[in-house]
mmCIF file of all heavy atoms, coordinates in Angstrom:
data_MODEL
# 
_entry.id   MODEL 
# 
loop_
_atom_site.group_PDB 
_atom_site.id 
_atom_site.type_symbol 
_atom_site.label_atom_id 
_atom_site.label_alt_id 
_atom_site.label_comp_id 
_atom_site.label_asym_id 
_atom_site.label_entity_id 
_atom_site.label_seq_id 
_atom_site.pdbx_PDB_ins_code 
_atom_site.Cartn_x 
_atom_site.Cartn_y 
_atom_site.Cartn_z 
_atom_site.occupancy 
_atom_site.B_iso_or_equiv 
_atom_site.pdbx_formal_charge 
_atom_site.auth_seq_id 
_atom_site.auth_comp_id 
_atom_site.auth_asym_id 
_atom_site.auth_atom_id 
_atom_site.pdbx_PDB_model_num 
ATOM 1   N N   . GLY A 1 1  ? 80.885  108.511 125.408 1.00 0.00 ? 1  GLY A N   1 
ATOM 2   C CA  . GLY A 1 1  ? 80.703  108.954 124.032 1.00 0.00 ? 1  GLY A CA  1 
ATOM 3   C C   . GLY A 1 1  ? 81.879  108.478 123.203 1.00 0.00 ? 1  GLY A C   1 
ATOM 4   O O   . GLY A 1 1  ? 82.236  107.308 123.207 1.00 0.00 ? 1  GLY A O   1 
ATOM 5   N N   . ASP A 1 2  ? 82.518  109.401 122.465 1.00 0.00 ? 2  ASP A N   1 
ATOM 6   C CA  . ASP A 1 2  ? 83.678  109.032 121.682 1.00 0.00 ? 2  ASP A CA  1 
ATOM 7   C C   . ASP A 1 2  ? 84.997  109.293 122.401 1.00 0.00 ? 2  ASP A C   1 
ATOM 8   O O   . ASP A 1 2  ? 86.075  109.256 121.809 1.00 0.00 ? 2  ASP A O   1 
ATOM 9   C CB  . ASP A 1 2  ? 83.663  109.812 120.347 1.00 0.00 ? 2  ASP A CB  1 
ATOM 10  C CG  . ASP A 1 2  ? 83.685  111.315 120.525 1.00 0.00 ? 2  ASP A CG  1 
ATOM 11  O OD1 . ASP A 1 2  ? 83.586  111.774 121.691 1.00 0.00 ? 2  ASP A OD1 1 
ATOM 12  O OD2 . ASP A 1 2  ? 83.812  112.033 119.530 1.00 0.00 ? 2  ASP A OD2 1 
ATOM 13  N N   . LYS A 1 3  ? 84.927  109.547 123.710 1.00 0.00 ? 3  LYS A N   1 
ATOM 14  C CA  . LYS A 1 3  ? 86.116  109.773 124.509 1.00 0.00 ? 3  LYS A CA  1 
ATOM 15  C C   . LYS A 1 3  ? 86.266  108.655 125.532 1.00 0.00 ? 3  LYS A C   1 
ATOM 16  O O   . LYS A 1 3  ? 85.284  108.030 125.950 1.00 0.00 ? 3  LYS A O   1 
ATOM 17  C CB  . LYS A 1 3  ? 86.015  111.126 125.236 1.00 0.00 ? 3  LYS A CB  1 
ATOM 18  C CG  . LYS A 1 3  ? 85.908  112.318 124.309 1.00 0.00 ? 3  LYS A CG  1 
ATOM 19  C CD  . LYS A 1 3  ? 85.761  113.602 125.103 1.00 0.00 ? 3  LYS A CD  1 
ATOM 20  C CE  . LYS A 1 3  ? 85.625  114.813 124.201 1.00 0.00 ? 3  LYS A CE  1 
ATOM 21  N NZ  . LYS A 1 3  ? 85.458  116.070 124.948 1.00 0.00 ? 3  LYS A NZ  1 
ATOM 22  N N   . ASN A 1 4  ? 87.526  108.406 125.956 1.00 0.00 ? 4  ASN A N   1 
ATOM 23  C CA  . ASN A 1 4  ? 87.702  107.459 127.028 1.00 0.00 ? 4  ASN A CA  1 
ATOM 24  C C   . ASN A 1 4  ? 87.615  108.167 128.377 1.00 0.00 ? 4  ASN A C   1 
ATOM 25  O O   . ASN A 1 4  ? 87.597  109.407 128.456 1.00 0.00 ? 4  ASN A O   1 
ATOM 26  C CB  . ASN A 1 4  ? 88.995  106.654 126.849 1.00 0.00 ? 4  ASN A CB  1 
ATOM 27  C CG  . ASN A 1 4  ? 90.254  107.468 127.041 1.00 0.00 ? 4  ASN A CG  1 
ATOM 28  O OD1 . ASN A 1 4  ? 90.311  108.434 127.808 1.00 0.00 ? 4  ASN A OD1 1 
ATOM 29  N ND2 . ASN A 1 4  ? 91.319  107.113 126.318 1.00 0.00 ? 4  ASN A ND2 1 
ATOM 30  N N   . PHE A 1 5  ? 87.587  107.385 129.428 1.00 0.00 ? 5  PHE A N   1 
ATOM 31  C CA  . PHE A 1 5  ? 87.392  107.921 130.769 1.00 0.00 ? 5  PHE A CA  1 
ATOM 32  C C   . PHE A 1 5  ? 88.484  108.931 131.130 1.00 0.00 ? 5  PHE A C   1 
ATOM 33  O O   . PHE A 1 5  ? 88.251  109.974 131.718 1.00 0.00 ? 5  PHE A O   1 
ATOM 34  C CB  . PHE A 1 5  ? 87.375  106.780 131.777 1.00 0.00 ? 5  PHE A CB  1 
ATOM 35  C CG  . PHE A 1 5  ? 87.018  107.177 133.173 1.00 0.00 ? 5  PHE A CG  1 
ATOM 36  C CD1 . PHE A 1 5  ? 85.720  107.503 133.513 1.00 0.00 ? 5  PHE A CD1 1 
ATOM 37  C CD2 . PHE A 1 5  ? 87.986  107.229 134.163 1.00 0.00 ? 5  PHE A CD2 1 
ATOM 38  C CE1 . PHE A 1 5  ? 85.365  107.873 134.790 1.00 0.00 ? 5  PHE A CE1 1 
ATOM 39  C CE2 . PHE A 1 5  ? 87.653  107.598 135.474 1.00 0.00 ? 5  PHE A CE2 1 
ATOM 40  C CZ  . PHE A 1 5  ? 86.341  107.933 135.779 1.00 0.00 ? 5  PHE A CZ  1 
ATOM 41  N N   . GLY A 1 6  ? 89.729  108.613 130.732 1.00 0.00 ? 6  GLY A N   1 
ATOM 42  C CA  . GLY A 1 6  ? 90.845  109.503 131.030 1.00 0.00 ? 6  GLY A CA  1 
ATOM 43  C C   . GLY A 1 6  ? 90.715  110.857 130.389 1.00 0.00 ? 6  GLY A C   1 
ATOM 44  O O   . GLY A 1 6  ? 91.117  111.873 130.972 1.00 0.00 ? 6  GLY A O   1 
ATOM 45  N N   . ASP A 1 7  ? 90.141  110.905 129.160 1.00 0.00 ? 7  ASP A N   1 
ATOM 46  C CA  . ASP A 1 7  ? 89.935  112.202 128.515 1.00 0.00 ? 7  ASP A CA  1 
ATOM 47  C C   . ASP A 1 7  ? 89.009  113.079 129.322 1.00 0.00 ? 7  ASP A C   1 
ATOM 48  O O   . ASP A 1 7  ? 89.211  114.310 129.458 1.00 0.00 ? 7  ASP A O   1 
ATOM 49  C CB  . ASP A 1 7  ? 89.341  111.987 127.119 1.00 0.00 ? 7  ASP A CB  1 
ATOM 50  C CG  . ASP A 1 7  ? 90.297  111.299 126.161 1.00 0.00 ? 7  ASP A CG  1 
ATOM 51  O OD1 . ASP A 1 7  ? 91.519  111.439 126.326 1.00 0.00 ? 7  ASP A OD1 1 
ATOM 52  O OD2 . ASP A 1 7  ? 89.807  110.585 125.257 1.00 0.00 ? 7  ASP A OD2 1 
ATOM 53  N N   . ILE A 1 8  ? 87.956  112.466 129.889 1.00 0.00 ? 8  ILE A N   1 
ATOM 54  C CA  . ILE A 1 8  ? 86.999  113.249 130.686 1.00 0.00 ? 8  ILE A CA  1 
ATOM 55  C C   . ILE A 1 8  ? 87.626  113.703 131.996 1.00 0.00 ? 8  ILE A C   1 
ATOM 56  O O   . ILE A 1 8  ? 87.399  114.847 132.447 1.00 0.00 ? 8  ILE A O   1 
ATOM 57  C CB  . ILE A 1 8  ? 85.734  112.414 130.967 1.00 0.00 ? 8  ILE A CB  1 
ATOM 58  C CG1 . ILE A 1 8  ? 85.116  111.940 129.640 1.00 0.00 ? 8  ILE A CG1 1 
ATOM 59  C CG2 . ILE A 1 8  ? 84.714  113.240 131.726 1.00 0.00 ? 8  ILE A CG2 1 
ATOM 60  C CD1 . ILE A 1 8  ? 84.757  113.068 128.669 1.00 0.00 ? 8  ILE A CD1 1 
ATOM 61  N N   . VAL A 1 9  ? 88.467  112.857 132.604 1.00 0.00 ? 9  VAL A N   1 
ATOM 62  C CA  . VAL A 1 9  ? 89.180  113.275 133.811 1.00 0.00 ? 9  VAL A CA  1 
ATOM 63  C C   . VAL A 1 9  ? 90.090  114.462 133.515 1.00 0.00 ? 9  VAL A C   1 
ATOM 64  O O   . VAL A 1 9  ? 90.153  115.422 134.322 1.00 0.00 ? 9  VAL A O   1 
ATOM 65  C CB  . VAL A 1 9  ? 89.994  112.100 134.398 1.00 0.00 ? 9  VAL A CB  1 
ATOM 66  C CG1 . VAL A 1 9  ? 90.795  112.575 135.637 1.00 0.00 ? 9  VAL A CG1 1 
ATOM 67  C CG2 . VAL A 1 9  ? 89.078  110.929 134.788 1.00 0.00 ? 9  VAL A CG2 1 
ATOM 68  N N   . ASN A 1 10 ? 90.746  114.451 132.375 1.00 0.00 ? 10 ASN A N   1 
ATOM 69  C CA  . ASN A 1 10 ? 91.564  115.597 131.981 1.00 0.00 ? 10 ASN A CA  1 
ATOM 70  C C   . ASN A 1 10 ? 90.761  116.863 131.921 1.00 0.00 ? 10 ASN A C   1 
ATOM 71  O O   . ASN A 1 10 ? 91.238  117.961 132.325 1.00 0.00 ? 10 ASN A O   1 
ATOM 72  C CB  . ASN A 1 10 ? 92.215  115.335 130.611 1.00 0.00 ? 10 ASN A CB  1 
ATOM 73  C CG  . ASN A 1 10 ? 93.347  114.319 130.687 1.00 0.00 ? 10 ASN A CG  1 
ATOM 74  O OD1 . ASN A 1 10 ? 93.992  114.182 131.704 1.00 0.00 ? 10 ASN A OD1 1 
ATOM 75  N ND2 . ASN A 1 10 ? 93.556  113.619 129.588 1.00 0.00 ? 10 ASN A ND2 1 
ATOM 76  N N   . GLU A 1 11 ? 89.544  116.789 131.417 1.00 0.00 ? 11 GLU A N   1 
ATOM 77  C CA  . GLU A 1 11 ? 88.691  117.982 131.321 1.00 0.00 ? 11 GLU A CA  1 
ATOM 78  C C   . GLU A 1 11 ? 88.227  118.442 132.700 1.00 0.00 ? 11 GLU A C   1 
ATOM 79  O O   . GLU A 1 11 ? 88.096  119.658 132.941 1.00 0.00 ? 11 GLU A O   1 
ATOM 80  C CB  . GLU A 1 11 ? 87.451  117.655 130.465 1.00 0.00 ? 11 GLU A CB  1 
ATOM 81  C CG  . GLU A 1 11 ? 87.794  117.369 128.994 1.00 0.00 ? 11 GLU A CG  1 
ATOM 82  C CD  . GLU A 1 11 ? 86.574  116.861 128.208 1.00 0.00 ? 11 GLU A CD  1 
ATOM 83  O OE1 . GLU A 1 11 ? 85.465  116.838 128.789 1.00 0.00 ? 11 GLU A OE1 1 
ATOM 84  O OE2 . GLU A 1 11 ? 86.729  116.546 127.019 1.00 0.00 ? 11 GLU A OE2 1 
ATOM 85  N N   . LYS A 1 12 ? 87.994  117.521 133.611 1.00 0.00 ? 12 LYS A N   1 
ATOM 86  C CA  . LYS A 1 12 ? 87.488  117.882 134.934 1.00 0.00 ? 12 LYS A CA  1 
ATOM 87  C C   . LYS A 1 12 ? 88.577  118.430 135.851 1.00 0.00 ? 12 LYS A C   1 
ATOM 88  O O   . LYS A 1 12 ? 88.341  119.338 136.643 1.00 0.00 ? 12 LYS A O   1 
ATOM 89  C CB  . LYS A 1 12 ? 86.872  116.643 135.617 1.00 0.00 ? 12 LYS A CB  1 
ATOM 90  C CG  . LYS A 1 12 ? 85.750  115.984 134.856 1.00 0.00 ? 12 LYS A CG  1 
ATOM 91  C CD  . LYS A 1 12 ? 84.474  116.798 134.881 1.00 0.00 ? 12 LYS A CD  1 
ATOM 92  C CE  . LYS A 1 12 ? 83.314  116.023 134.252 1.00 0.00 ? 12 LYS A CE  1 
ATOM 93  N NZ  . LYS A 1 12 ? 82.061  116.850 134.215 1.00 0.00 ? 12 LYS A NZ  1 
ATOM 94  N N   . ILE A 1 13 ? 89.785  117.907 135.736 1.00 0.00 ? 13 ILE A N   1 
ATOM 95  C CA  . ILE A 1 13 ? 90.812  118.241 136.732 1.00 0.00 ? 13 ILE A CA  1 
ATOM 96  C C   . ILE A 1 13 ? 91.323  119.673 136.588 1.00 0.00 ? 13 ILE A C   1 
ATOM 97  O O   . ILE A 1 13 ? 91.869  120.262 137.545 1.00 0.00 ? 13 ILE A O   1 
ATOM 98  C CB  . ILE A 1 13 ? 91.975  117.246 136.694 1.00 0.00 ? 13 ILE A CB  1 
ATOM 99  C CG1 . ILE A 1 13 ? 92.740  117.290 138.029 1.00 0.00 ? 13 ILE A CG1 1 
ATOM 100 C CG2 . ILE A 1 13 ? 92.882  117.486 135.493 1.00 0.00 ? 13 ILE A CG2 1 
ATOM 101 C CD1 . ILE A 1 13 ? 93.709  116.158 138.239 1.00 0.00 ? 13 ILE A CD1 1 
ATOM 102 N N   . VAL A 1 14 ? 91.167  120.281 135.431 1.00 0.00 ? 14 VAL A N   1 
ATOM 103 C CA  . VAL A 1 14 ? 91.628  121.666 135.264 1.00 0.00 ? 14 VAL A CA  1 
ATOM 104 C C   . VAL A 1 14 ? 90.868  122.597 136.209 1.00 0.00 ? 14 VAL A C   1 
ATOM 105 O O   . VAL A 1 14 ? 91.355  123.715 136.507 1.00 0.00 ? 14 VAL A O   1 
ATOM 106 C CB  . VAL A 1 14 ? 91.476  122.140 133.810 1.00 0.00 ? 14 VAL A CB  1 
ATOM 107 C CG1 . VAL A 1 14 ? 92.373  121.334 132.885 1.00 0.00 ? 14 VAL A CG1 1 
ATOM 108 C CG2 . VAL A 1 14 ? 90.018  122.063 133.329 1.00 0.00 ? 14 VAL A CG2 1 
ATOM 109 N N   . ASN A 1 15 ? 89.710  122.184 136.695 1.00 0.00 ? 15 ASN A N   1 
ATOM 110 C CA  . ASN A 1 15 ? 88.932  123.016 137.626 1.00 0.00 ? 15 ASN A CA  1 
ATOM 111 C C   . ASN A 1 15 ? 89.559  123.041 139.015 1.00 0.00 ? 15 ASN A C   1 
ATOM 112 O O   . ASN A 1 15 ? 89.104  123.764 139.892 1.00 0.00 ? 15 ASN A O   1 
ATOM 113 C CB  . ASN A 1 15 ? 87.507  122.497 137.703 1.00 0.00 ? 15 ASN A CB  1 
ATOM 114 C CG  . ASN A 1 15 ? 86.764  122.609 136.377 1.00 0.00 ? 15 ASN A CG  1 
ATOM 115 O OD1 . ASN A 1 15 ? 86.918  123.591 135.677 1.00 0.00 ? 15 ASN A OD1 1 
ATOM 116 N ND2 . ASN A 1 15 ? 85.947  121.623 136.068 1.00 0.00 ? 15 ASN A ND2 1 
ATOM 117 N N   . TYR A 1 16 ? 90.613  122.202 139.223 1.00 0.00 ? 16 TYR A N   1 
ATOM 118 C CA  . TYR A 1 16 ? 91.246  122.142 140.542 1.00 0.00 ? 16 TYR A CA  1 
ATOM 119 C C   . TYR A 1 16 ? 92.485  123.018 140.624 1.00 0.00 ? 16 TYR A C   1 
ATOM 120 O O   . TYR A 1 16 ? 93.257  122.899 141.568 1.00 0.00 ? 16 TYR A O   1 
ATOM 121 C CB  . TYR A 1 16 ? 91.564  120.670 140.884 1.00 0.00 ? 16 TYR A CB  1 
ATOM 122 C CG  . TYR A 1 16 ? 90.327  119.910 141.256 1.00 0.00 ? 16 TYR A CG  1 
ATOM 123 C CD1 . TYR A 1 16 ? 89.498  119.340 140.263 1.00 0.00 ? 16 TYR A CD1 1 
ATOM 124 C CD2 . TYR A 1 16 ? 89.896  119.764 142.577 1.00 0.00 ? 16 TYR A CD2 1 
ATOM 125 C CE1 . TYR A 1 16 ? 88.359  118.666 140.589 1.00 0.00 ? 16 TYR A CE1 1 
ATOM 126 C CE2 . TYR A 1 16 ? 88.771  119.065 142.910 1.00 0.00 ? 16 TYR A CE2 1 
ATOM 127 C CZ  . TYR A 1 16 ? 87.997  118.529 141.921 1.00 0.00 ? 16 TYR A CZ  1 
ATOM 128 O OH  . TYR A 1 16 ? 86.841  117.844 142.227 1.00 0.00 ? 16 TYR A OH  1 
ATOM 129 N N   . GLY A 1 17 ? 92.693  123.871 139.626 1.00 0.00 ? 17 GLY A N   1 
ATOM 130 C CA  . GLY A 1 17 ? 93.793  124.832 139.732 1.00 0.00 ? 17 GLY A CA  1 
ATOM 131 C C   . GLY A 1 17 ? 94.770  124.767 138.572 1.00 0.00 ? 17 GLY A C   1 
ATOM 132 O O   . GLY A 1 17 ? 94.779  123.832 137.773 1.00 0.00 ? 17 GLY A O   1 
ATOM 133 N N   . LYS A 1 18 ? 95.630  125.762 138.512 1.00 0.00 ? 18 LYS A N   1 
ATOM 134 C CA  . LYS A 1 18 ? 96.592  125.896 137.403 1.00 0.00 ? 18 LYS A CA  1 
ATOM 135 C C   . LYS A 1 18 ? 97.613  124.793 137.352 1.00 0.00 ? 18 LYS A C   1 
ATOM 136 O O   . LYS A 1 18 ? 98.240  124.559 136.325 1.00 0.00 ? 18 LYS A O   1 
ATOM 137 C CB  . LYS A 1 18 ? 97.327  127.243 137.540 1.00 0.00 ? 18 LYS A CB  1 
ATOM 138 C CG  . LYS A 1 18 ? 98.158  127.404 138.797 1.00 0.00 ? 18 LYS A CG  1 
ATOM 139 C CD  . LYS A 1 18 ? 98.835  128.760 138.851 1.00 0.00 ? 18 LYS A CD  1 
ATOM 140 C CE  . LYS A 1 18 ? 99.615  128.954 140.139 1.00 0.00 ? 18 LYS A CE  1 
ATOM 141 N NZ  . LYS A 1 18 ? 100.712 127.988 140.274 1.00 0.00 ? 18 LYS A NZ  1 
ATOM 142 N N   . ASP A 1 19 ? 97.769  124.068 138.469 1.00 0.00 ? 19 ASP A N   1 
ATOM 143 C CA  . ASP A 1 19 ? 98.733  122.961 138.496 1.00 0.00 ? 19 ASP A CA  1 
ATOM 144 C C   . ASP A 1 19 ? 98.383  121.875 137.459 1.00 0.00 ? 19 ASP A C   1 
ATOM 145 O O   . ASP A 1 19 ? 99.239  121.110 137.042 1.00 0.00 ? 19 ASP A O   1 
ATOM 146 C CB  . ASP A 1 19 ? 98.752  122.272 139.884 1.00 0.00 ? 19 ASP A CB  1 
ATOM 147 C CG  . ASP A 1 19 ? 99.240  123.223 140.965 1.00 0.00 ? 19 ASP A CG  1 
ATOM 148 O OD1 . ASP A 1 19 ? 100.182 123.995 140.696 1.00 0.00 ? 19 ASP A OD1 1 
ATOM 149 O OD2 . ASP A 1 19 ? 98.657  123.230 142.066 1.00 0.00 ? 19 ASP A OD2 1 
ATOM 150 N N   . TRP A 1 20 ? 97.111  121.838 137.076 1.00 0.00 ? 20 TRP A N   1 
ATOM 151 C CA  . TRP A 1 20 ? 96.644  120.749 136.209 1.00 0.00 ? 20 TRP A CA  1 
ATOM 152 C C   . TRP A 1 20 ? 96.439  121.201 134.756 1.00 0.00 ? 20 TRP A C   1 
ATOM 153 O O   . TRP A 1 20 ? 95.930  120.425 133.942 1.00 0.00 ? 20 TRP A O   1 
ATOM 154 C CB  . TRP A 1 20 ? 95.365  120.146 136.774 1.00 0.00 ? 20 TRP A CB  1 
ATOM 155 C CG  . TRP A 1 20 ? 95.565  119.682 138.177 1.00 0.00 ? 20 TRP A CG  1 
ATOM 156 C CD1 . TRP A 1 20 ? 95.043  120.205 139.348 1.00 0.00 ? 20 TRP A CD1 1 
ATOM 157 C CD2 . TRP A 1 20 ? 96.394  118.577 138.601 1.00 0.00 ? 20 TRP A CD2 1 
ATOM 158 N NE1 . TRP A 1 20 ? 95.488  119.505 140.429 1.00 0.00 ? 20 TRP A NE1 1 
ATOM 159 C CE2 . TRP A 1 20 ? 96.305  118.488 140.000 1.00 0.00 ? 20 TRP A CE2 1 
ATOM 160 C CE3 . TRP A 1 20 ? 97.189  117.652 137.925 1.00 0.00 ? 20 TRP A CE3 1 
ATOM 161 C CZ2 . TRP A 1 20 ? 96.995  117.530 140.718 1.00 0.00 ? 20 TRP A CZ2 1 
ATOM 162 C CZ3 . TRP A 1 20 ? 97.884  116.695 138.633 1.00 0.00 ? 20 TRP A CZ3 1 
ATOM 163 C CH2 . TRP A 1 20 ? 97.777  116.654 140.051 1.00 0.00 ? 20 TRP A CH2 1 
ATOM 164 N N   . THR A 1 21 ? 96.851  122.378 134.432 1.00 0.00 ? 21 THR A N   1 
ATOM 165 C CA  . THR A 1 21 ? 96.779  122.839 133.049 1.00 0.00 ? 21 THR A CA  1 
ATOM 166 C C   . THR A 1 21 ? 97.771  122.078 132.162 1.00 0.00 ? 21 THR A C   1 
ATOM 167 O O   . THR A 1 21 ? 98.912  121.897 132.545 1.00 0.00 ? 21 THR A O   1 
ATOM 168 C CB  . THR A 1 21 ? 97.057  124.348 132.965 1.00 0.00 ? 21 THR A CB  1 
ATOM 169 O OG1 . THR A 1 21 ? 96.141  125.046 133.820 1.00 0.00 ? 21 THR A OG1 1 
ATOM 170 C CG2 . THR A 1 21 ? 96.885  124.856 131.532 1.00 0.00 ? 21 THR A CG2 1 
ATOM 171 N N   . ASN A 1 22 ? 97.291  121.622 131.016 1.00 0.00 ? 22 ASN A N   1 
ATOM 172 C CA  . ASN A 1 22 ? 98.150  120.943 130.045 1.00 0.00 ? 22 ASN A CA  1 
ATOM 173 C C   . ASN A 1 22 ? 98.795  119.656 130.575 1.00 0.00 ? 22 ASN A C   1 
ATOM 174 O O   . ASN A 1 22 ? 99.879  119.284 130.149 1.00 0.00 ? 22 ASN A O   1 
ATOM 175 C CB  . ASN A 1 22 ? 99.229  121.883 129.518 1.00 0.00 ? 22 ASN A CB  1 
ATOM 176 C CG  . ASN A 1 22 ? 98.662  123.092 128.823 1.00 0.00 ? 22 ASN A CG  1 
ATOM 177 O OD1 . ASN A 1 22 ? 97.683  122.996 128.104 1.00 0.00 ? 22 ASN A OD1 1 
ATOM 178 N ND2 . ASN A 1 22 ? 99.292  124.260 129.054 1.00 0.00 ? 22 ASN A ND2 1 
ATOM 179 N N   . ILE A 1 23 ? 98.088  118.988 131.467 1.00 0.00 ? 23 ILE A N   1 
ATOM 180 C CA  . ILE A 1 23 ? 98.568  117.675 131.962 1.00 0.00 ? 23 ILE A CA  1 
ATOM 181 C C   . ILE A 1 23 ? 97.661  116.578 131.377 1.00 0.00 ? 23 ILE A C   1 
ATOM 182 O O   . ILE A 1 23 ? 96.449  116.684 131.416 1.00 0.00 ? 23 ILE A O   1 
ATOM 183 C CB  . ILE A 1 23 ? 98.556  117.630 133.489 1.00 0.00 ? 23 ILE A CB  1 
ATOM 184 C CG1 . ILE A 1 23 ? 99.752  118.402 134.053 1.00 0.00 ? 23 ILE A CG1 1 
ATOM 185 C CG2 . ILE A 1 23 ? 98.618  116.190 133.999 1.00 0.00 ? 23 ILE A CG2 1 
ATOM 186 C CD1 . ILE A 1 23 ? 99.878  118.353 135.544 1.00 0.00 ? 23 ILE A CD1 1 
ATOM 187 N N   . ASN A 1 24 ? 98.308  115.538 130.847 1.00 0.00 ? 24 ASN A N   1 
ATOM 188 C CA  . ASN A 1 24 ? 97.561  114.429 130.246 1.00 0.00 ? 24 ASN A CA  1 
ATOM 189 C C   . ASN A 1 24 ? 97.653  113.225 131.202 1.00 0.00 ? 24 ASN A C   1 
ATOM 190 O O   . ASN A 1 24 ? 98.738  112.668 131.382 1.00 0.00 ? 24 ASN A O   1 
ATOM 191 C CB  . ASN A 1 24 ? 98.119  114.084 128.882 1.00 0.00 ? 24 ASN A CB  1 
ATOM 192 C CG  . ASN A 1 24 ? 97.297  113.030 128.157 1.00 0.00 ? 24 ASN A CG  1 
ATOM 193 O OD1 . ASN A 1 24 ? 96.442  112.373 128.748 1.00 0.00 ? 24 ASN A OD1 1 
ATOM 194 N ND2 . ASN A 1 24 ? 97.539  112.908 126.860 1.00 0.00 ? 24 ASN A ND2 1 
ATOM 195 N N   . LEU A 1 25 ? 96.528  112.822 131.779 1.00 0.00 ? 25 LEU A N   1 
ATOM 196 C CA  . LEU A 1 25 ? 96.516  111.790 132.764 1.00 0.00 ? 25 LEU A CA  1 
ATOM 197 C C   . LEU A 1 25 ? 96.260  110.403 132.158 1.00 0.00 ? 25 LEU A C   1 
ATOM 198 O O   . LEU A 1 25 ? 96.130  109.406 132.884 1.00 0.00 ? 25 LEU A O   1 
ATOM 199 C CB  . LEU A 1 25 ? 95.433  112.067 133.826 1.00 0.00 ? 25 LEU A CB  1 
ATOM 200 C CG  . LEU A 1 25 ? 95.685  113.317 134.682 1.00 0.00 ? 25 LEU A CG  1 
ATOM 201 C CD1 . LEU A 1 25 ? 94.447  113.615 135.520 1.00 0.00 ? 25 LEU A CD1 1 
ATOM 202 C CD2 . LEU A 1 25 ? 96.892  113.109 135.579 1.00 0.00 ? 25 LEU A CD2 1 
ATOM 203 N N   . ASN A 1 26 ? 96.184  110.307 130.828 1.00 0.00 ? 26 ASN A N   1 
ATOM 204 C CA  . ASN A 1 26 ? 95.962  109.001 130.213 1.00 0.00 ? 26 ASN A CA  1 
ATOM 205 C C   . ASN A 1 26 ? 97.135  108.069 130.446 1.00 0.00 ? 26 ASN A C   1 
ATOM 206 O O   . ASN A 1 26 ? 98.268  108.496 130.704 1.00 0.00 ? 26 ASN A O   1 
ATOM 207 C CB  . ASN A 1 26 ? 95.740  109.186 128.709 1.00 0.00 ? 26 ASN A CB  1 
ATOM 208 C CG  . ASN A 1 26 ? 94.296  109.620 128.401 1.00 0.00 ? 26 ASN A CG  1 
ATOM 209 O OD1 . ASN A 1 26 ? 93.352  108.895 128.700 1.00 0.00 ? 26 ASN A OD1 1 
ATOM 210 N ND2 . ASN A 1 26 ? 94.132  110.786 127.807 1.00 0.00 ? 26 ASN A ND2 1 
ATOM 211 N N   . ASP A 1 27 ? 96.852  106.763 130.376 1.00 0.00 ? 27 ASP A N   1 
ATOM 212 C CA  . ASP A 1 27 ? 97.880  105.749 130.569 1.00 0.00 ? 27 ASP A CA  1 
ATOM 213 C C   . ASP A 1 27 ? 99.050  105.973 129.606 1.00 0.00 ? 27 ASP A C   1 
ATOM 214 O O   . ASP A 1 27 ? 98.884  106.454 128.486 1.00 0.00 ? 27 ASP A O   1 
ATOM 215 C CB  . ASP A 1 27 ? 97.310  104.350 130.296 1.00 0.00 ? 27 ASP A CB  1 
ATOM 216 C CG  . ASP A 1 27 ? 96.365  103.889 131.406 1.00 0.00 ? 27 ASP A CG  1 
ATOM 217 O OD1 . ASP A 1 27 ? 96.267  104.578 132.444 1.00 0.00 ? 27 ASP A OD1 1 
ATOM 218 O OD2 . ASP A 1 27 ? 95.733  102.797 131.228 1.00 0.00 ? 27 ASP A OD2 1 
ATOM 219 N N   . GLY A 1 28 ? 100.247 105.616 130.082 1.00 0.00 ? 28 GLY A N   1 
ATOM 220 C CA  . GLY A 1 28 ? 101.422 105.686 129.219 1.00 0.00 ? 28 GLY A CA  1 
ATOM 221 C C   . GLY A 1 28 ? 102.045 107.034 129.127 1.00 0.00 ? 28 GLY A C   1 
ATOM 222 O O   . GLY A 1 28 ? 102.977 107.253 128.319 1.00 0.00 ? 28 GLY A O   1 
# 
């Protein structure tokens, strides 16, 4: 859609626990 692949990964990974809250996995 209007998001890149990394944005969607960011949305999915929060389901794997609190360790991934507020982490941005996008390049750079």
